[in-house]
Amino acid sequence: MAAALIGGMLQQGLSKAGVQVIDVSAEARQRVEQLGITARTQWDSQTPAEVVVFAVKPQHMKQAVSGVRAHCG
């Protein structure tokens, strides 16, 4: 599902550099990085992104968003 969302955004003109993907699966992160897109296990505030895609199952969401709260208004 994340790949379809990202593909659609790229087709609409979003730059690969503007996307950061969060996924706990090492295999999934590797596939995303092969496309030239930054992939991490947790959100990284030091990596600029126009769009952050949290490609995680509900049970992994707390881990994936642990660093986000301080940066949300």
C-alpha atoms as a PDB file:
ATOM      1  CA  MET A   1       0.000   0.000   0.000  1.00  0.00           C
ATOM      2  CA  ALA A   2       2.786   2.446   0.846  1.00  0.00           C
ATOM      3  CA  ALA A   3       4.417   1.829  -2.532  1.00  0.00           C
ATOM      4  CA  ALA A   4       1.160   2.739  -4.296  1.00  0.00           C
ATOM      5  CA  LEU A   5       0.794   5.951  -2.259  1.00  0.00           C
ATOM      6  CA  ILE A   6       4.389   6.954  -2.896  1.00  0.00           C
ATOM      7  CA  GLY A   7       4.140   6.089  -6.582  1.00  0.00           C
ATOM      8  CA  GLY A   8       1.074   8.283  -6.952  1.00  0.00           C
ATOM      9  CA  MET A   9       2.748  11.211  -5.209  1.00  0.00           C
ATOM     10  CA  LEU A  10       5.823  10.886  -7.413  1.00  0.00           C
ATOM     11  CA  GLN A  11       3.644  10.791 -10.540  1.00  0.00           C
ATOM     12  CA  GLN A  12       2.039  14.028  -9.347  1.00  0.00           C
ATOM     13  CA  GLY A  13       5.459  15.684  -9.256  1.00  0.00           C
ATOM     14  CA  LEU A  14       6.709  15.186  -5.707  1.00  0.00           C
ATOM     15  CA  SER A  15      10.487  14.854  -5.624  1.00  0.00           C
ATOM     16  CA  LYS A  16      11.971  11.641  -4.214  1.00  0.00           C
ATOM     17  CA  ALA A  17      14.095  13.861  -1.978  1.00  0.00           C
ATOM     18  CA  GLY A  18      10.878  15.225  -0.479  1.00  0.00           C
ATOM     19  CA  VAL A  19       9.716  11.818   0.812  1.00  0.00           C
ATOM     20  CA  GLN A  20      10.721  10.011   3.997  1.00  0.00           C
ATOM     21  CA  VAL A  21       9.316   6.528   4.631  1.00  0.00           C
ATOM     22  CA  ILE A  22       9.049   5.009   8.095  1.00  0.00           C
ATOM     23  CA  ASP A  23       8.904   1.216   8.176  1.00  0.00           C
ATOM     24  CA  VAL A  24      10.040  -1.258  10.839  1.00  0.00           C
ATOM     25  CA  SER A  25      10.740  -3.959   8.236  1.00  0.00           C
ATOM     26  CA  ALA A  26      14.362  -3.956   7.066  1.00  0.00           C
ATOM     27  CA  GLU A  27      13.338  -5.668   3.828  1.00  0.00           C
ATOM     28  CA  ALA A  28      10.700  -3.024   3.093  1.00  0.00           C
ATOM     29  CA  ARG A  29      13.129  -0.182   3.879  1.00  0.00           C
ATOM     30  CA  GLN A  30      15.667  -1.693   1.501  1.00  0.00           C
ATOM     31  CA  ARG A  31      13.085  -1.823  -1.334  1.00  0.00           C
ATOM     32  CA  VAL A  32      12.189   1.836  -0.739  1.00  0.00           C
ATOM     33  CA  GLU A  33      15.833   2.919  -0.620  1.00  0.00           C
ATOM     34  CA  GLN A  34      16.471   1.162  -3.956  1.00  0.00           C
ATOM     35  CA  LEU A  35      13.973   3.659  -5.401  1.00  0.00           C
ATOM     36  CA  GLY A  36      16.099   6.546  -4.105  1.00  0.00           C
ATOM     37  CA  ILE A  37      13.824   7.397  -1.181  1.00  0.00           C
ATOM     38  CA  THR A  38      14.967   7.806   2.427  1.00  0.00           C
ATOM     39  CA  ALA A  39      13.666   5.048   4.715  1.00  0.00           C
ATOM     40  CA  ARG A  40      14.030   4.789   8.489  1.00  0.00           C
ATOM     41  CA  THR A  41      12.646   2.813  11.429  1.00  0.00           C
ATOM     42  CA  GLN A  42      11.636   6.043  13.221  1.00  0.00           C
ATOM     43  CA  TRP A  43      10.912   9.563  12.084  1.00  0.00           C
ATOM     44  CA  ASP A  44      14.081  11.624  11.826  1.00  0.00           C
ATOM     45  CA  SER A  45      13.620  15.360  12.314  1.00  0.00           C
ATOM     46  CA  GLN A  46      17.087  15.963  10.856  1.00  0.00           C
ATOM     47  CA  THR A  47      16.055  14.606   7.446  1.00  0.00           C
ATOM     48  CA  PRO A  48      13.992  17.215   5.601  1.00  0.00           C
ATOM     49  CA  ALA A  49      10.846  15.916   3.927  1.00  0.00           C
ATOM     50  CA  GLU A  50       7.704  17.365   2.415  1.00  0.00           C
ATOM     51  CA  VAL A  51       5.876  14.094   3.063  1.00  0.00           C
ATOM     52  CA  VAL A  52       6.470  11.421   5.705  1.00  0.00           C
ATOM     53  CA  VAL A  53       4.822   8.061   5.001  1.00  0.00           C
ATOM     54  CA  PHE A  54       4.348   5.881   8.088  1.00  0.00           C
ATOM     55  CA  ALA A  55       4.217   2.461   6.431  1.00  0.00           C
ATOM     56  CA  VAL A  56       3.738   0.514   9.655  1.00  0.00           C
ATOM     57  CA  LYS A  57       1.104  -1.744  11.131  1.00  0.00           C
ATOM     58  CA  PRO A  58      -0.928  -0.295  14.017  1.00  0.00           C
ATOM     59  CA  GLN A  59       1.010  -2.243  16.635  1.00  0.00           C
ATOM     60  CA  HIS A  60       4.265  -0.571  15.483  1.00  0.00           C
ATOM     61  CA  MET A  61       2.928   2.987  15.204  1.00  0.00           C
ATOM     62  CA  LYS A  62       3.953   4.085  18.728  1.00  0.00           C
ATOM     63  CA  GLN A  63       7.581   3.164  18.006  1.00  0.00           C
ATOM     64  CA  ALA A  64       7.519   4.802  14.579  1.00  0.00           C
ATOM     65  CA  VAL A  65       6.155   8.158  15.778  1.00  0.00           C
ATOM     66  CA  SER A  66       8.096   8.408  19.024  1.00  0.00           C
ATOM     67  CA  GLY A  67      10.055  11.477  17.895  1.00  0.00           C
ATOM     68  CA  VAL A  68       7.249  13.329  16.136  1.00  0.00           C
ATOM     69  CA  ARG A  69       5.284  14.899  18.997  1.00  0.00           C
ATOM     70  CA  ALA A  70       7.877  17.576  19.805  1.00  0.00           C
ATOM     71  CA  HIS A  71       7.719  18.854  16.218  1.00  0.00           C
ATOM     72  CA  CYS A  72       3.942  19.053  15.807  1.00  0.00           C
ATOM     73  CA  GLY A  73       2.039  22.238  16.499  1.00  0.00           C
END
